[in-house]
Every structure is written in C-alpha cells, then in structure tokens.
Amino acid sequence: MDNEIEITYLNNMEKIIQYNCESNKRFNKRIEIIKILEKKNIKWKEANKLGKIWYNITYNKCKYNPKLYKLLNNLLK
C-alpha cells in the first residue's frame, strides 16, 4: 500500500506519496531533489511532478523530451 506523507514545502504542508515499489532510500533521494527545487522557488505541483520525472529518468531509465532533460539539469545545478 502506498504511503502518504506530509512535508513542509514553501511554508505549506504538502502531501507526497511513497509508492510501494519505491524503497526508502530512493524516496528520500526524491525528497532531496524536491527540496532543491524548493530553493529555486518552484511551485509544489511542478516540483512534485519534476521529482517523479527525475526518479523515472534515474531509476527506471525512462526517456523524455530533451527540453525536459535540459530543464531538470538547469534546475538541479
């Protein structure tokens, strides 16, 4: 069963889901990525989406539009 966890993001309580197939280590890494996006002042909905995309690129070897790779790379510098 998926876990729903609350985190503070841009001074708001937001819910993030840890999926069954996601280990604690990978989930914590995804949260780290989201926290980097928080420092860039990215809105929650977009940061959550980009965190999932980063996860899929990194761990599931998914392919996306090259513009998305460039955007993620620039935001995570």
N, C-alpha and C. Protein backbone atom coordinates (compact mmCIF):
# COMPACT_ATOMS: atom_id res chain seq x y z
N MET A 1 0.83 -1.18 0.00
CA MET A 1 0.00 0.00 0.00
C MET A 1 0.88 1.25 0.00
N ASP A 2 0.52 2.21 -0.80
CA ASP A 2 1.27 3.46 -0.89
C ASP A 2 1.15 4.24 0.41
N ASN A 3 2.22 4.93 0.78
CA ASN A 3 2.25 5.77 1.98
C ASN A 3 2.10 7.22 1.60
N GLU A 4 1.24 7.93 2.28
CA GLU A 4 1.10 9.36 2.07
C GLU A 4 1.75 10.07 3.25
N ILE A 5 2.72 10.94 2.93
CA ILE A 5 3.50 11.62 3.96
C ILE A 5 3.36 13.12 3.75
N GLU A 6 3.30 13.87 4.84
CA GLU A 6 3.24 15.33 4.76
C GLU A 6 4.64 15.90 4.95
N ILE A 7 4.97 16.85 4.08
CA ILE A 7 6.24 17.57 4.21
C ILE A 7 5.94 19.07 4.14
N THR A 8 6.87 19.85 4.65
CA THR A 8 6.74 21.30 4.55
C THR A 8 7.46 21.74 3.28
N TYR A 9 6.73 22.45 2.44
CA TYR A 9 7.29 22.93 1.17
C TYR A 9 6.84 24.37 0.98
N LEU A 10 7.77 25.27 0.87
CA LEU A 10 7.49 26.71 0.77
C LEU A 10 6.49 27.15 1.84
N ASN A 11 6.76 26.72 3.07
CA ASN A 11 5.97 27.07 4.26
C ASN A 11 4.53 26.56 4.24
N ASN A 12 4.26 25.57 3.42
CA ASN A 12 2.94 24.94 3.38
C ASN A 12 3.10 23.44 3.63
N MET A 13 2.10 22.84 4.23
CA MET A 13 2.10 21.39 4.40
C MET A 13 1.58 20.76 3.11
N GLU A 14 2.39 19.90 2.51
CA GLU A 14 2.02 19.25 1.25
C GLU A 14 2.12 17.74 1.44
N LYS A 15 1.29 17.02 0.72
CA LYS A 15 1.29 15.56 0.80
C LYS A 15 2.09 14.99 -0.37
N ILE A 16 2.95 14.03 -0.04
CA ILE A 16 3.74 13.34 -1.05
C ILE A 16 3.53 11.84 -0.84
N ILE A 17 3.48 11.11 -1.93
CA ILE A 17 3.21 9.67 -1.86
C ILE A 17 4.49 8.90 -2.06
N GLN A 18 4.75 7.97 -1.14
CA GLN A 18 5.82 7.00 -1.33
C GLN A 18 5.15 5.74 -1.87
N TYR A 19 5.49 5.38 -3.08
CA TYR A 19 4.86 4.24 -3.74
C TYR A 19 5.43 2.93 -3.23
N ASN A 20 4.64 1.87 -3.30
CA ASN A 20 5.06 0.55 -2.84
C ASN A 20 6.38 0.11 -3.46
N CYS A 21 6.55 0.40 -4.74
CA CYS A 21 7.73 -0.06 -5.47
C CYS A 21 8.96 0.82 -5.18
N GLU A 22 8.80 1.84 -4.36
CA GLU A 22 9.87 2.81 -4.09
C GLU A 22 10.50 2.53 -2.72
N SER A 23 11.79 2.23 -2.73
CA SER A 23 12.48 1.98 -1.46
C SER A 23 12.60 3.28 -0.67
N ASN A 24 12.87 3.14 0.62
CA ASN A 24 13.05 4.34 1.47
C ASN A 24 14.21 5.19 0.97
N LYS A 25 15.29 4.54 0.55
CA LYS A 25 16.47 5.26 0.06
C LYS A 25 16.12 6.09 -1.17
N ARG A 26 15.41 5.49 -2.11
CA ARG A 26 15.03 6.20 -3.34
C ARG A 26 14.01 7.30 -3.04
N PHE A 27 13.09 7.03 -2.14
CA PHE A 27 12.10 8.03 -1.76
C PHE A 27 12.78 9.24 -1.12
N ASN A 28 13.72 8.98 -0.23
CA ASN A 28 14.46 10.08 0.42
C ASN A 28 15.27 10.88 -0.60
N LYS A 29 15.81 10.22 -1.60
CA LYS A 29 16.54 10.93 -2.65
C LYS A 29 15.59 11.81 -3.45
N ARG A 30 14.38 11.31 -3.73
CA ARG A 30 13.39 12.11 -4.45
C ARG A 30 13.01 13.35 -3.63
N ILE A 31 12.88 13.18 -2.32
CA ILE A 31 12.59 14.33 -1.45
C ILE A 31 13.75 15.33 -1.49
N GLU A 32 14.99 14.85 -1.52
CA GLU A 32 16.14 15.75 -1.64
C GLU A 32 16.05 16.58 -2.91
N ILE A 33 15.66 15.95 -4.01
CA ILE A 33 15.52 16.65 -5.29
C ILE A 33 14.42 17.71 -5.17
N ILE A 34 13.33 17.36 -4.54
CA ILE A 34 12.22 18.30 -4.35
C ILE A 34 12.67 19.48 -3.49
N LYS A 35 13.48 19.23 -2.48
CA LYS A 35 13.99 20.31 -1.62
C LYS A 35 14.92 21.24 -2.40
N ILE A 36 15.68 20.71 -3.34
CA ILE A 36 16.50 21.55 -4.21
C ILE A 36 15.59 22.47 -5.04
N LEU A 37 14.50 21.90 -5.55
CA LEU A 37 13.55 22.68 -6.34
C LEU A 37 12.87 23.75 -5.48
N GLU A 38 12.68 23.44 -4.20
CA GLU A 38 12.09 24.41 -3.28
C GLU A 38 12.98 25.64 -3.16
N LYS A 39 14.29 25.43 -3.11
CA LYS A 39 15.23 26.55 -3.03
C LYS A 39 15.17 27.42 -4.28
N LYS A 40 14.73 26.83 -5.39
CA LYS A 40 14.58 27.58 -6.65
C LYS A 40 13.20 28.23 -6.74
N ASN A 41 12.40 28.07 -5.69
CA ASN A 41 11.06 28.67 -5.59
C ASN A 41 10.07 28.11 -6.62
N ILE A 42 10.23 26.84 -6.95
CA ILE A 42 9.31 26.16 -7.88
C ILE A 42 8.05 25.80 -7.10
N LYS A 43 6.89 26.03 -7.69
CA LYS A 43 5.62 25.69 -7.02
C LYS A 43 5.53 24.20 -6.76
N TRP A 44 4.78 23.83 -5.72
CA TRP A 44 4.69 22.45 -5.27
C TRP A 44 4.28 21.48 -6.37
N LYS A 45 3.22 21.80 -7.07
CA LYS A 45 2.71 20.87 -8.09
C LYS A 45 3.78 20.56 -9.13
N GLU A 46 4.48 21.59 -9.57
CA GLU A 46 5.54 21.42 -10.56
C GLU A 46 6.73 20.66 -9.96
N ALA A 47 7.11 20.97 -8.73
CA ALA A 47 8.24 20.30 -8.08
C ALA A 47 7.95 18.81 -7.88
N ASN A 48 6.74 18.50 -7.48
CA ASN A 48 6.35 17.10 -7.28
C ASN A 48 6.43 16.35 -8.61
N LYS A 49 5.92 16.97 -9.67
CA LYS A 49 5.95 16.36 -11.00
C LYS A 49 7.39 16.17 -11.46
N LEU A 50 8.23 17.19 -11.30
CA LEU A 50 9.62 17.08 -11.72
C LEU A 50 10.39 16.04 -10.89
N GLY A 51 10.03 15.92 -9.62
CA GLY A 51 10.65 14.88 -8.79
C GLY A 51 10.33 13.49 -9.30
N LYS A 52 9.11 13.28 -9.73
CA LYS A 52 8.72 11.98 -10.29
C LYS A 52 9.44 11.72 -11.62
N ILE A 53 9.54 12.76 -12.44
CA ILE A 53 10.25 12.61 -13.71
C ILE A 53 11.72 12.30 -13.47
N TRP A 54 12.34 13.02 -12.53
CA TRP A 54 13.74 12.76 -12.18
C TRP A 54 13.90 11.30 -11.73
N TYR A 55 12.98 10.84 -10.90
CA TYR A 55 13.01 9.46 -10.41
C TYR A 55 12.95 8.48 -11.57
N ASN A 56 12.02 8.72 -12.49
CA ASN A 56 11.86 7.80 -13.62
C ASN A 56 13.08 7.80 -14.54
N ILE A 57 13.70 8.95 -14.73
CA ILE A 57 14.91 9.01 -15.54
C ILE A 57 16.05 8.27 -14.85
N THR A 58 16.21 8.53 -13.56
CA THR A 58 17.34 7.99 -12.80
C THR A 58 17.22 6.49 -12.54
N TYR A 59 16.07 6.05 -12.09
CA TYR A 59 15.93 4.67 -11.64
C TYR A 59 15.22 3.74 -12.63
N ASN A 60 14.35 4.28 -13.45
CA ASN A 60 13.59 3.43 -14.38
C ASN A 60 14.06 3.57 -15.82
N LYS A 61 15.08 4.41 -16.04
CA LYS A 61 15.66 4.62 -17.37
C LYS A 61 14.63 5.05 -18.41
N CYS A 62 13.64 5.83 -17.97
CA CYS A 62 12.61 6.35 -18.88
C CYS A 62 13.22 7.45 -19.75
N LYS A 63 12.64 7.62 -20.93
CA LYS A 63 13.09 8.64 -21.86
C LYS A 63 12.03 9.73 -21.95
N TYR A 64 12.50 10.98 -22.01
CA TYR A 64 11.62 12.14 -22.10
C TYR A 64 12.15 13.07 -23.18
N ASN A 65 11.39 14.10 -23.45
CA ASN A 65 11.77 15.13 -24.40
C ASN A 65 13.09 15.78 -23.95
N PRO A 66 14.02 16.01 -24.88
CA PRO A 66 15.32 16.62 -24.50
C PRO A 66 15.18 17.96 -23.78
N LYS A 67 14.13 18.72 -24.08
CA LYS A 67 13.91 20.00 -23.39
C LYS A 67 13.68 19.78 -21.90
N LEU A 68 13.03 18.69 -21.56
CA LEU A 68 12.78 18.36 -20.16
C LEU A 68 14.07 17.99 -19.43
N TYR A 69 14.93 17.23 -20.11
CA TYR A 69 16.24 16.90 -19.53
C TYR A 69 17.03 18.20 -19.24
N LYS A 70 17.01 19.10 -20.21
CA LYS A 70 17.74 20.36 -20.05
C LYS A 70 17.18 21.19 -18.90
N LEU A 71 15.85 21.26 -18.81
CA LEU A 71 15.20 21.99 -17.73
C LEU A 71 15.61 21.41 -16.37
N LEU A 72 15.51 20.10 -16.23
CA LEU A 72 15.88 19.45 -14.96
C LEU A 72 17.34 19.70 -14.64
N ASN A 73 18.19 19.55 -15.62
CA ASN A 73 19.62 19.76 -15.42
C ASN A 73 19.91 21.18 -14.93
N ASN A 74 19.27 22.16 -15.55
CA ASN A 74 19.47 23.55 -15.14
C ASN A 74 18.95 23.82 -13.73
N LEU A 75 17.82 23.24 -13.38
CA LEU A 75 17.23 23.46 -12.06
C LEU A 75 18.04 22.78 -10.95
N LEU A 76 18.67 21.66 -11.27
CA LEU A 76 19.37 20.88 -10.24
C LEU A 76 20.83 21.22 -10.11
N LYS A 77 21.29 22.23 -10.83
CA LYS A 77 22.71 22.65 -10.73
C LYS A 77 22.95 23.29 -9.38
